[in-house]
């Protein structure tokens, strides 16, 4: 299931790495704030740099494509939002406005 959400990157966490059954892995979490009447935050995981988080910084407006994953660990289920693509948006949420013209409008 692939989902998309737009928001502003508000935090990028340090990268982690380790060894698993399939070899070495890296993971870096980041948080976006989703605008609206009641702004909310969501944390995502960029696993093995699949989404290319290194190209972004705090304050960037982005669209994140992600999958929801749940894994069992010691009898508990942990759900994560795994990003697989991040796209930079314009400062106004993706709708690029044309630059203002110096010409005056006809009357």
PDB file of N, CA and C in Angstrom:
ATOM      1  N   UNK A   1       0.847  -1.170   0.000  1.00  0.00           N
ATOM      2  CA  UNK A   1       0.000   0.000   0.000  1.00  0.00           C
ATOM      3  C   UNK A   1       0.896   1.238   0.000  1.00  0.00           C
ATOM      4  N   UNK A   2       0.819   2.053  -1.018  1.00  0.00           N
ATOM      5  CA  UNK A   2       1.616   3.271  -1.116  1.00  0.00           C
ATOM      6  C   UNK A   2       0.733   4.485  -0.803  1.00  0.00           C
ATOM      7  N   UNK A   3       1.228   5.360   0.051  1.00  0.00           N
ATOM      8  CA  UNK A   3       0.509   6.562   0.454  1.00  0.00           C
ATOM      9  C   UNK A   3       1.399   7.777   0.241  1.00  0.00           C
ATOM     10  N   UNK A   4       0.792   8.968   0.202  1.00  0.00           N
ATOM     11  CA  UNK A   4       1.543  10.215   0.062  1.00  0.00           C
ATOM     12  C   UNK A   4       1.006  11.241   1.042  1.00  0.00           C
ATOM     13  N   UNK A   5       1.907  12.107   1.504  1.00  0.00           N
ATOM     14  CA  UNK A   5       1.516  13.183   2.413  1.00  0.00           C
ATOM     15  C   UNK A   5       2.469  14.352   2.180  1.00  0.00           C
ATOM     16  N   UNK A   6       1.973  15.580   2.373  1.00  0.00           N
ATOM     17  CA  UNK A   6       2.788  16.768   2.192  1.00  0.00           C
ATOM     18  C   UNK A   6       2.946  17.493   3.525  1.00  0.00           C
ATOM     19  N   UNK A   7       4.122  18.067   3.730  1.00  0.00           N
ATOM     20  CA  UNK A   7       4.380  18.823   4.939  1.00  0.00           C
ATOM     21  C   UNK A   7       5.780  19.406   4.933  1.00  0.00           C
ATOM     22  N   UNK A   8       6.154  20.012   6.064  1.00  0.00           N
ATOM     23  CA  UNK A   8       7.463  20.634   6.203  1.00  0.00           C
ATOM     24  C   UNK A   8       8.343  19.764   7.104  1.00  0.00           C
ATOM     25  N   UNK A   9       9.583  19.528   6.685  1.00  0.00           N
ATOM     26  CA  UNK A   9      10.517  18.776   7.524  1.00  0.00           C
ATOM     27  C   UNK A   9      10.854  19.634   8.739  1.00  0.00           C
ATOM     28  N   UNK A  10      10.588  19.115   9.939  1.00  0.00           N
ATOM     29  CA  UNK A  10      10.860  19.869  11.162  1.00  0.00           C
ATOM     30  C   UNK A  10      11.997  19.265  11.977  1.00  0.00           C
ATOM     31  N   UNK A  11      12.379  18.012  11.687  1.00  0.00           N
ATOM     32  CA  UNK A  11      13.489  17.392  12.420  1.00  0.00           C
ATOM     33  C   UNK A  11      14.050  16.250  11.589  1.00  0.00           C
ATOM     34  N   UNK A  12      15.376  16.161  11.566  1.00  0.00           N
ATOM     35  CA  UNK A  12      16.074  15.031  10.959  1.00  0.00           C
ATOM     36  C   UNK A  12      16.942  14.424  12.044  1.00  0.00           C
ATOM     37  N   UNK A  13      16.723  13.156  12.321  1.00  0.00           N
ATOM     38  CA  UNK A  13      17.428  12.462  13.389  1.00  0.00           C
ATOM     39  C   UNK A  13      18.741  11.871  12.876  1.00  0.00           C
ATOM     40  N   UNK A  14      19.687  11.559  13.766  1.00  0.00           N
ATOM     41  CA  UNK A  14      20.957  10.958  13.336  1.00  0.00           C
ATOM     42  C   UNK A  14      20.740   9.601  12.664  1.00  0.00           C
ATOM     43  N   UNK A  15      21.623   9.289  11.729  1.00  0.00           N
ATOM     44  CA  UNK A  15      21.549   8.011  11.027  1.00  0.00           C
ATOM     45  C   UNK A  15      22.010   6.882  11.946  1.00  0.00           C
ATOM     46  N   UNK A  16      21.336   5.721  11.807  1.00  0.00           N
ATOM     47  CA  UNK A  16      21.709   4.514  12.548  1.00  0.00           C
ATOM     48  C   UNK A  16      22.105   3.454  11.543  1.00  0.00           C
ATOM     49  N   UNK A  17      22.898   2.474  11.981  1.00  0.00           N
ATOM     50  CA  UNK A  17      23.258   1.362  11.098  1.00  0.00           C
ATOM     51  C   UNK A  17      23.445   0.108  11.937  1.00  0.00           C
ATOM     52  N   UNK A  18      23.433  -1.015  11.259  1.00  0.00           N
ATOM     53  CA  UNK A  18      23.600  -2.282  11.964  1.00  0.00           C
ATOM     54  C   UNK A  18      23.748  -3.433  10.989  1.00  0.00           C
ATOM     55  N   UNK A  19      23.824  -4.617  11.552  1.00  0.00           N
ATOM     56  CA  UNK A  19      23.936  -5.854  10.775  1.00  0.00           C
ATOM     57  C   UNK A  19      22.660  -6.655  10.966  1.00  0.00           C
ATOM     58  N   UNK A  20      22.133  -7.174   9.875  1.00  0.00           N
ATOM     59  CA  UNK A  20      20.943  -8.015   9.934  1.00  0.00           C
ATOM     60  C   UNK A  20      21.170  -9.298   9.173  1.00  0.00           C
ATOM     61  N   UNK A  21      20.130 -10.092   9.045  1.00  0.00           N
ATOM     62  CA  UNK A  21      20.220 -11.353   8.311  1.00  0.00           C
ATOM     63  C   UNK A  21      20.604 -11.139   6.851  1.00  0.00           C
ATOM     64  N   UNK A  22      20.249  -9.978   6.301  1.00  0.00           N
ATOM     65  CA  UNK A  22      20.527  -9.681   4.890  1.00  0.00           C
ATOM     66  C   UNK A  22      21.728  -8.761   4.701  1.00  0.00           C
ATOM     67  N   UNK A  23      22.538  -8.569   5.727  1.00  0.00           N
ATOM     68  CA  UNK A  23      23.726  -7.722   5.618  1.00  0.00           C
ATOM     69  C   UNK A  23      23.571  -6.415   6.370  1.00  0.00           C
ATOM     70  N   UNK A  24      24.429  -5.472   6.019  1.00  0.00           N
ATOM     71  CA  UNK A  24      24.452  -4.164   6.684  1.00  0.00           C
ATOM     72  C   UNK A  24      23.260  -3.312   6.247  1.00  0.00           C
ATOM     73  N   UNK A  25      22.708  -2.551   7.188  1.00  0.00           N
ATOM     74  CA  UNK A  25      21.600  -1.655   6.883  1.00  0.00           C
ATOM     75  C   UNK A  25      21.862  -0.290   7.519  1.00  0.00           C
ATOM     76  N   UNK A  26      21.208   0.738   6.972  1.00  0.00           N
ATOM     77  CA  UNK A  26      21.212   2.072   7.564  1.00  0.00           C
ATOM     78  C   UNK A  26      19.773   2.554   7.640  1.00  0.00           C
ATOM     79  N   UNK A  27      19.525   3.434   8.572  1.00  0.00           N
ATOM     80  CA  UNK A  27      18.183   3.982   8.740  1.00  0.00           C
ATOM     81  C   UNK A  27      18.300   5.390   9.304  1.00  0.00           C
ATOM     82  N   UNK A  28      17.484   6.296   8.792  1.00  0.00           N
ATOM     83  CA  UNK A  28      17.454   7.653   9.312  1.00  0.00           C
ATOM     84  C   UNK A  28      16.003   8.108   9.395  1.00  0.00           C
ATOM     85  N   UNK A  29      15.612   8.530  10.577  1.00  0.00           N
ATOM     86  CA  UNK A  29      14.251   9.007  10.802  1.00  0.00           C
ATOM     87  C   UNK A  29      14.185  10.515  10.564  1.00  0.00           C
ATOM     88  N   UNK A  30      13.014  10.971  10.154  1.00  0.00           N
ATOM     89  CA  UNK A  30      12.766  12.404  10.022  1.00  0.00           C
ATOM     90  C   UNK A  30      11.299  12.657  10.336  1.00  0.00           C
ATOM     91  N   UNK A  31      11.010  13.889  10.704  1.00  0.00           N
ATOM     92  CA  UNK A  31       9.644  14.248  11.091  1.00  0.00           C
ATOM     93  C   UNK A  31       9.175  15.404  10.230  1.00  0.00           C
ATOM     94  N   UNK A  32       7.921  15.299   9.772  1.00  0.00           N
ATOM     95  CA  UNK A  32       7.319  16.413   9.051  1.00  0.00           C
ATOM     96  C   UNK A  32       6.112  16.918   9.834  1.00  0.00           C
ATOM     97  N   UNK A  33       5.807  18.191   9.625  1.00  0.00           N
ATOM     98  CA  UNK A  33       4.597  18.780  10.188  1.00  0.00           C
ATOM     99  C   UNK A  33       3.620  18.967   9.046  1.00  0.00           C
ATOM    100  N   UNK A  34       2.429  18.421   9.222  1.00  0.00           N
ATOM    101  CA  UNK A  34       1.388  18.487   8.206  1.00  0.00           C
ATOM    102  C   UNK A  34       0.499  19.687   8.549  1.00  0.00           C
ATOM    103  N   UNK A  35       0.400  20.669   7.633  1.00  0.00           N
ATOM    104  CA  UNK A  35      -0.393  21.863   7.931  1.00  0.00           C
ATOM    105  C   UNK A  35      -1.889  21.578   7.923  1.00  0.00           C
ATOM    106  N   UNK A  36      -2.640  22.486   8.485  1.00  0.00           N
ATOM    107  CA  UNK A  36      -4.091  22.386   8.511  1.00  0.00           C
ATOM    108  C   UNK A  36      -4.628  23.137   9.706  1.00  0.00           C
ATOM    109  N   UNK A  37      -5.933  23.012   9.948  1.00  0.00           N
ATOM    110  CA  UNK A  37      -6.537  23.668  11.114  1.00  0.00           C
ATOM    111  C   UNK A  37      -5.907  23.167  12.409  1.00  0.00           C
ATOM    112  N   UNK A  38      -5.555  21.902  12.441  1.00  0.00           N
ATOM    113  CA  UNK A  38      -4.905  21.289  13.594  1.00  0.00           C
ATOM    114  C   UNK A  38      -3.634  20.606  13.106  1.00  0.00           C
ATOM    115  N   UNK A  39      -2.523  21.380  12.941  1.00  0.00           N
ATOM    116  CA  UNK A  39      -1.296  20.789  12.413  1.00  0.00           C
ATOM    117  C   UNK A  39      -0.869  19.586  13.248  1.00  0.00           C
ATOM    118  N   UNK A  40      -0.356  18.578  12.574  1.00  0.00           N
ATOM    119  CA  UNK A  40       0.089  17.375  13.256  1.00  0.00           C
ATOM    120  C   UNK A  40       1.457  16.984  12.718  1.00  0.00           C
ATOM    121  N   UNK A  41       2.161  16.170  13.460  1.00  0.00           N
ATOM    122  CA  UNK A  41       3.485  15.720  13.049  1.00  0.00           C
ATOM    123  C   UNK A  41       3.461  14.222  12.817  1.00  0.00           C
ATOM    124  N   UNK A  42       4.297  13.772  11.874  1.00  0.00           N
ATOM    125  CA  UNK A  42       4.427  12.347  11.580  1.00  0.00           C
ATOM    126  C   UNK A  42       5.907  12.039  11.376  1.00  0.00           C
ATOM    127  N   UNK A  43       6.362  10.916  11.940  1.00  0.00           N
ATOM    128  CA  UNK A  43       7.757  10.490  11.820  1.00  0.00           C
ATOM    129  C   UNK A  43       7.863   9.393  10.769  1.00  0.00           C
ATOM    130  N   UNK A  44       8.881   9.489   9.924  1.00  0.00           N
ATOM    131  CA  UNK A  44       9.120   8.542   8.843  1.00  0.00           C
ATOM    132  C   UNK A  44      10.515   7.959   8.970  1.00  0.00           C
ATOM    133  N   UNK A  45      10.725   6.831   8.313  1.00  0.00           N
ATOM    134  CA  UNK A  45      11.996   6.125   8.314  1.00  0.00           C
ATOM    135  C   UNK A  45      12.504   6.044   6.877  1.00  0.00           C
ATOM    136  N   UNK A  46      13.725   6.527   6.640  1.00  0.00           N
ATOM    137  CA  UNK A  46      14.374   6.387   5.325  1.00  0.00           C
ATOM    138  C   UNK A  46      15.360   5.228   5.458  1.00  0.00           C
ATOM    139  N   UNK A  47      14.923   4.034   5.092  1.00  0.00           N
ATOM    140  CA  UNK A  47      15.705   2.812   5.270  1.00  0.00           C
ATOM    141  C   UNK A  47      16.623   2.601   4.073  1.00  0.00           C
ATOM    142  N   UNK A  48      17.906   2.423   4.350  1.00  0.00           N
ATOM    143  CA  UNK A  48      18.940   2.241   3.319  1.00  0.00           C
ATOM    144  C   UNK A  48      18.933   3.361   2.276  1.00  0.00           C
ATOM    145  N   UNK A  49      18.588   4.573   2.709  1.00  0.00           N
ATOM    146  CA  UNK A  49      18.576   5.766   1.858  1.00  0.00           C
ATOM    147  C   UNK A  49      17.709   5.593   0.614  1.00  0.00           C
ATOM    148  N   UNK A  50      16.635   4.820   0.731  1.00  0.00           N
ATOM    149  CA  UNK A  50      15.741   4.589  -0.405  1.00  0.00           C
ATOM    150  C   UNK A  50      15.070   5.877  -0.875  1.00  0.00           C
ATOM    151  N   UNK A  51      14.772   6.786   0.050  1.00  0.00           N
ATOM    152  CA  UNK A  51      14.061   8.018  -0.297  1.00  0.00           C
ATOM    153  C   UNK A  51      15.004   9.176  -0.606  1.00  0.00           C
ATOM    154  N   UNK A  52      16.284   9.066  -0.254  1.00  0.00           N
ATOM    155  CA  UNK A  52      17.240  10.133  -0.530  1.00  0.00           C
ATOM    156  C   UNK A  52      17.160  11.304   0.421  1.00  0.00           C
ATOM    157  N   UNK A  53      16.962  11.039   1.702  1.00  0.00           N
ATOM    158  CA  UNK A  53      16.799  12.099   2.704  1.00  0.00           C
ATOM    159  C   UNK A  53      18.000  13.040   2.763  1.00  0.00           C
ATOM    160  N   UNK A  54      19.206  12.576   2.418  1.00  0.00           N
ATOM    161  CA  UNK A  54      20.405  13.415   2.513  1.00  0.00           C
ATOM    162  C   UNK A  54      20.317  14.669   1.651  1.00  0.00           C
ATOM    163  N   UNK A  55      19.420  14.701   0.674  1.00  0.00           N
ATOM    164  CA  UNK A  55      19.272  15.860  -0.208  1.00  0.00           C
ATOM    165  C   UNK A  55      18.379  16.946   0.383  1.00  0.00           C
ATOM    166  N   UNK A  56      17.858  16.730   1.590  1.00  0.00           N
ATOM    167  CA  UNK A  56      16.881  17.646   2.171  1.00  0.00           C
ATOM    168  C   UNK A  56      17.377  18.187   3.504  1.00  0.00           C
ATOM    169  N   UNK A  57      16.748  19.275   3.944  1.00  0.00           N
ATOM    170  CA  UNK A  57      17.108  19.868   5.224  1.00  0.00           C
ATOM    171  C   UNK A  57      15.858  20.340   5.956  1.00  0.00           C
ATOM    172  N   UNK A  58      16.021  20.616   7.228  1.00  0.00           N
ATOM    173  CA  UNK A  58      14.917  21.113   8.046  1.00  0.00           C
ATOM    174  C   UNK A  58      14.385  22.400   7.409  1.00  0.00           C
ATOM    175  N   UNK A  59      13.069  22.504   7.306  1.00  0.00           N
ATOM    176  CA  UNK A  59      12.413  23.664   6.710  1.00  0.00           C
ATOM    177  C   UNK A  59      11.915  23.425   5.298  1.00  0.00           C
ATOM    178  N   UNK A  60      12.410  22.372   4.625  1.00  0.00           N
ATOM    179  CA  UNK A  60      11.959  22.067   3.268  1.00  0.00           C
ATOM    180  C   UNK A  60      10.514  21.586   3.274  1.00  0.00           C
ATOM    181  N   UNK A  61       9.716  22.096   2.322  1.00  0.00           N
ATOM    182  CA  UNK A  61       8.372  21.588   2.083  1.00  0.00           C
ATOM    183  C   UNK A  61       8.506  20.393   1.157  1.00  0.00           C
ATOM    184  N   UNK A  62       7.919  19.253   1.548  1.00  0.00           N
ATOM    185  CA  UNK A  62       8.114  18.018   0.798  1.00  0.00           C
ATOM    186  C   UNK A  62       6.820  17.235   0.635  1.00  0.00           C
ATOM    187  N   UNK A  63       6.834  16.352  -0.354  1.00  0.00           N
ATOM    188  CA  UNK A  63       5.801  15.325  -0.486  1.00  0.00           C
ATOM    189  C   UNK A  63       6.510  13.998  -0.250  1.00  0.00           C
ATOM    190  N   UNK A  64       6.026  13.225   0.718  1.00  0.00           N
ATOM    191  CA  UNK A  64       6.638  11.949   1.083  1.00  0.00           C
ATOM    192  C   UNK A  64       5.739  10.820   0.599  1.00  0.00           C
ATOM    193  N   UNK A  65       6.310   9.906  -0.185  1.00  0.00           N
ATOM    194  CA  UNK A  65       5.623   8.673  -0.573  1.00  0.00           C
ATOM    195  C   UNK A  65       6.127   7.594   0.379  1.00  0.00           C
ATOM    196  N   UNK A  66       5.199   6.824   0.954  1.00  0.00           N
ATOM    197  CA  UNK A  66       5.606   5.883   1.999  1.00  0.00           C
ATOM    198  C   UNK A  66       4.679   4.676   2.039  1.00  0.00           C
ATOM    199  N   UNK A  67       5.149   3.650   2.721  1.00  0.00           N
ATOM    200  CA  UNK A  67       4.369   2.447   3.008  1.00  0.00           C
ATOM    201  C   UNK A  67       4.260   2.301   4.519  1.00  0.00           C
ATOM    202  N   UNK A  68       3.186   1.694   4.968  1.00  0.00           N
ATOM    203  CA  UNK A  68       3.006   1.390   6.392  1.00  0.00           C
ATOM    204  C   UNK A  68       3.502  -0.031   6.625  1.00  0.00           C
ATOM    205  N   UNK A  69       4.381  -0.195   7.621  1.00  0.00           N
ATOM    206  CA  UNK A  69       4.925  -1.517   7.941  1.00  0.00           C
ATOM    207  C   UNK A  69       4.723  -1.794   9.425  1.00  0.00           C
ATOM    208  N   UNK A  70       4.377  -3.022   9.746  1.00  0.00           N
ATOM    209  CA  UNK A  70       4.282  -3.451  11.146  1.00  0.00           C
ATOM    210  C   UNK A  70       5.105  -4.720  11.312  1.00  0.00           C
ATOM    211  N   UNK A  71       5.872  -4.781  12.392  1.00  0.00           N
ATOM    212  CA  UNK A  71       6.702  -5.940  12.702  1.00  0.00           C
ATOM    213  C   UNK A  71       6.464  -6.353  14.148  1.00  0.00           C
ATOM    214  N   UNK A  72       6.550  -7.639  14.388  1.00  0.00           N
ATOM    215  CA  UNK A  72       6.427  -8.156  15.754  1.00  0.00           C
ATOM    216  C   UNK A  72       7.807  -8.209  16.393  1.00  0.00           C
ATOM    217  N   UNK A  73       7.901  -7.760  17.630  1.00  0.00           N
ATOM    218  CA  UNK A  73       9.137  -7.830  18.392  1.00  0.00           C
ATOM    219  C   UNK A  73       8.784  -8.128  19.847  1.00  0.00           C
ATOM    220  N   UNK A  74       9.184  -9.275  20.306  1.00  0.00           N
ATOM    221  CA  UNK A  74       8.936  -9.731  21.678  1.00  0.00           C
ATOM    222  C   UNK A  74       7.461  -9.636  22.057  1.00  0.00           C
ATOM    223  N   UNK A  75       6.609 -10.090  21.153  1.00  0.00           N
ATOM    224  CA  UNK A  75       5.175 -10.126  21.420  1.00  0.00           C
ATOM    225  C   UNK A  75       4.453  -8.804  21.245  1.00  0.00           C
ATOM    226  N   UNK A  76       5.169  -7.757  20.834  1.00  0.00           N
ATOM    227  CA  UNK A  76       4.552  -6.449  20.599  1.00  0.00           C
ATOM    228  C   UNK A  76       4.685  -6.113  19.122  1.00  0.00           C
ATOM    229  N   UNK A  77       3.736  -5.344  18.610  1.00  0.00           N
ATOM    230  CA  UNK A  77       3.783  -4.932  17.217  1.00  0.00           C
ATOM    231  C   UNK A  77       4.200  -3.478  17.129  1.00  0.00           C
ATOM    232  N   UNK A  78       5.167  -3.231  16.273  1.00  0.00           N
ATOM    233  CA  UNK A  78       5.699  -1.894  16.074  1.00  0.00           C
ATOM    234  C   UNK A  78       5.378  -1.480  14.639  1.00  0.00           C
ATOM    235  N   UNK A  79       4.726  -0.337  14.492  1.00  0.00           N
ATOM    236  CA  UNK A  79       4.336   0.152  13.177  1.00  0.00           C
ATOM    237  C   UNK A  79       5.240   1.320  12.791  1.00  0.00           C
ATOM    238  N   UNK A  80       5.701   1.330  11.544  1.00  0.00           N
ATOM    239  CA  UNK A  80       6.535   2.422  11.065  1.00  0.00           C
ATOM    240  C   UNK A  80       6.028   2.903   9.710  1.00  0.00           C
ATOM    241  N   UNK A  81       6.365   4.137   9.399  1.00  0.00           N
ATOM    242  CA  UNK A  81       6.046   4.737   8.113  1.00  0.00           C
ATOM    243  C   UNK A  81       7.359   4.792   7.340  1.00  0.00           C
ATOM    244  N   UNK A  82       7.522   3.889   6.364  1.00  0.00           N
ATOM    245  CA  UNK A  82       8.785   3.762   5.640  1.00  0.00           C
ATOM    246  C   UNK A  82       8.721   4.553   4.335  1.00  0.00           C
ATOM    247  N   UNK A  83       9.483   5.657   4.292  1.00  0.00           N
ATOM    248  CA  UNK A  83       9.529   6.516   3.105  1.00  0.00           C
ATOM    249  C   UNK A  83      10.312   5.832   1.997  1.00  0.00           C
ATOM    250  N   UNK A  84       9.811   5.950   0.779  1.00  0.00           N
ATOM    251  CA  UNK A  84      10.551   5.420  -0.365  1.00  0.00           C
ATOM    252  C   UNK A  84      10.796   6.482  -1.425  1.00  0.00           C
ATOM    253  N   UNK A  85      10.194   7.665  -1.256  1.00  0.00           N
ATOM    254  CA  UNK A  85      10.489   8.793  -2.140  1.00  0.00           C
ATOM    255  C   UNK A  85      10.144  10.084  -1.406  1.00  0.00           C
ATOM    256  N   UNK A  86      11.006  11.096  -1.583  1.00  0.00           N
ATOM    257  CA  UNK A  86      10.756  12.434  -1.056  1.00  0.00           C
ATOM    258  C   UNK A  86      10.941  13.408  -2.206  1.00  0.00           C
ATOM    259  N   UNK A  87       9.945  14.280  -2.400  1.00  0.00           N
ATOM    260  CA  UNK A  87      10.016  15.290  -3.452  1.00  0.00           C
ATOM    261  C   UNK A  87       9.905  16.666  -2.815  1.00  0.00           C
ATOM    262  N   UNK A  88      10.747  17.589  -3.247  1.00  0.00           N
ATOM    263  CA  UNK A  88      10.697  18.958  -2.729  1.00  0.00           C
ATOM    264  C   UNK A  88       9.558  19.707  -3.391  1.00  0.00           C
ATOM    265  N   UNK A  89       8.811  20.443  -2.592  1.00  0.00           N
ATOM    266  CA  UNK A  89       7.707  21.274  -3.087  1.00  0.00           C
ATOM    267  C   UNK A  89       8.107  22.730  -3.012  1.00  0.00           C
ATOM    268  N   UNK A  90       7.316  23.588  -3.645  1.00  0.00           N
ATOM    269  CA  UNK A  90       7.518  25.022  -3.512  1.00  0.00           C
ATOM    270  C   UNK A  90       7.205  25.446  -2.085  1.00  0.00           C
ATOM    271  N   UNK A  91       7.567  26.665  -1.724  1.00  0.00           N
ATOM    272  CA  UNK A  91       7.346  27.166  -0.365  1.00  0.00           C
ATOM    273  C   UNK A  91       5.885  27.241   0.018  1.00  0.00           C
ATOM    274  N   UNK A  92       4.987  27.207  -0.975  1.00  0.00           N
ATOM    275  CA  UNK A  92       3.568  27.323  -0.670  1.00  0.00           C
ATOM    276  C   UNK A  92       2.852  25.986  -0.826  1.00  0.00           C
ATOM    277  N   UNK A  93       3.563  24.889  -0.625  1.00  0.00           N
ATOM    278  CA  UNK A  93       2.919  23.590  -0.626  1.00  0.00           C
ATOM    279  C   UNK A  93       2.789  22.957  -1.995  1.00  0.00           C
ATOM    280  N   UNK A  94       3.625  23.334  -2.929  1.00  0.00           N
ATOM    281  CA  UNK A  94       3.654  22.629  -4.194  1.00  0.00           C
ATOM    282  C   UNK A  94       3.054  23.356  -5.367  1.00  0.00           C
ATOM    283  N   UNK A  95       2.236  24.344  -5.125  1.00  0.00           N
ATOM    284  CA  UNK A  95       1.663  25.060  -6.263  1.00  0.00           C
ATOM    285  C   UNK A  95       2.556  26.251  -6.556  1.00  0.00           C
ATOM    286  N   UNK A  96       3.426  26.108  -7.523  1.00  0.00           N
ATOM    287  CA  UNK A  96       4.378  27.157  -7.872  1.00  0.00           C
ATOM    288  C   UNK A  96       3.621  28.337  -8.479  1.00  0.00           C
ATOM    289  N   UNK A  97       3.770  29.508  -7.895  1.00  0.00           N
ATOM    290  CA  UNK A  97       3.134  30.718  -8.402  1.00  0.00           C
ATOM    291  C   UNK A  97       4.087  31.410  -9.370  1.00  0.00           C
ATOM    292  N   UNK A  98       3.592  31.972 -10.481  1.00  0.00           N
ATOM    293  CA  UNK A  98       4.480  32.706 -11.373  1.00  0.00           C
ATOM    294  C   UNK A  98       5.023  33.952 -10.683  1.00  0.00           C
ATOM    295  N   UNK A  99       6.212  34.378 -11.086  1.00  0.00           N
ATOM    296  CA  UNK A  99       6.799  35.581 -10.507  1.00  0.00           C
ATOM    297  C   UNK A  99       5.967  36.794 -10.889  1.00  0.00           C
ATOM    298  N   UNK A 100       5.819  37.760  -9.954  1.00  0.00           N
ATOM    299  CA  UNK A 100       5.031  38.945 -10.278  1.00  0.00           C
ATOM    300  C   UNK A 100       5.666  39.729 -11.431  1.00  0.00           C
ATOM    301  N   UNK A 101       4.836  40.277 -12.273  1.00  0.00           N
ATOM    302  CA  UNK A 101       5.302  41.047 -13.430  1.00  0.00           C
ATOM    303  C   UNK A 101       5.371  42.515 -13.058  1.00  0.00           C
ATOM    304  N   UNK A 102       6.317  43.216 -13.680  1.00  0.00           N
ATOM    305  CA  UNK A 102       6.425  44.681 -13.465  1.00  0.00           C
ATOM    306  C   UNK A 102       5.459  45.450 -14.337  1.00  0.00           C
ATOM    307  N   UNK A 103       4.790  44.757 -15.252  1.00  0.00           N
ATOM    308  CA  UNK A 103       3.843  45.421 -16.136  1.00  0.00           C
ATOM    309  C   UNK A 103       2.556  45.738 -15.375  1.00  0.00           C
ATOM    310  N   UNK A 104       1.945  46.851 -15.702  1.00  0.00           N
ATOM    311  CA  UNK A 104       0.668  47.193 -15.097  1.00  0.00           C
ATOM    312  C   UNK A 104      -0.459  46.558 -15.908  1.00  0.00           C
ATOM    313  N   UNK A 105      -1.494  46.166 -15.229  1.00  0.00           N
ATOM    314  CA  UNK A 105      -2.628  45.534 -15.896  1.00  0.00           C
ATOM    315  C   UNK A 105      -3.390  46.597 -16.688  1.00  0.00           C
ATOM    316  N   UNK A 106      -3.906  46.229 -17.873  1.00  0.00           N
ATOM    317  CA  UNK A 106      -4.696  47.213 -18.642  1.00  0.00           C
ATOM    318  C   UNK A 106      -5.992  47.527 -17.909  1.00  0.00           C
ATOM    319  N   UNK A 107      -6.470  48.782 -18.082  1.00  0.00           N
ATOM    320  CA  UNK A 107      -7.706  49.217 -17.432  1.00  0.00           C
ATOM    321  C   UNK A 107      -8.876  48.982 -18.306  1.00  0.00           C
TER     322      UNK A 107
END
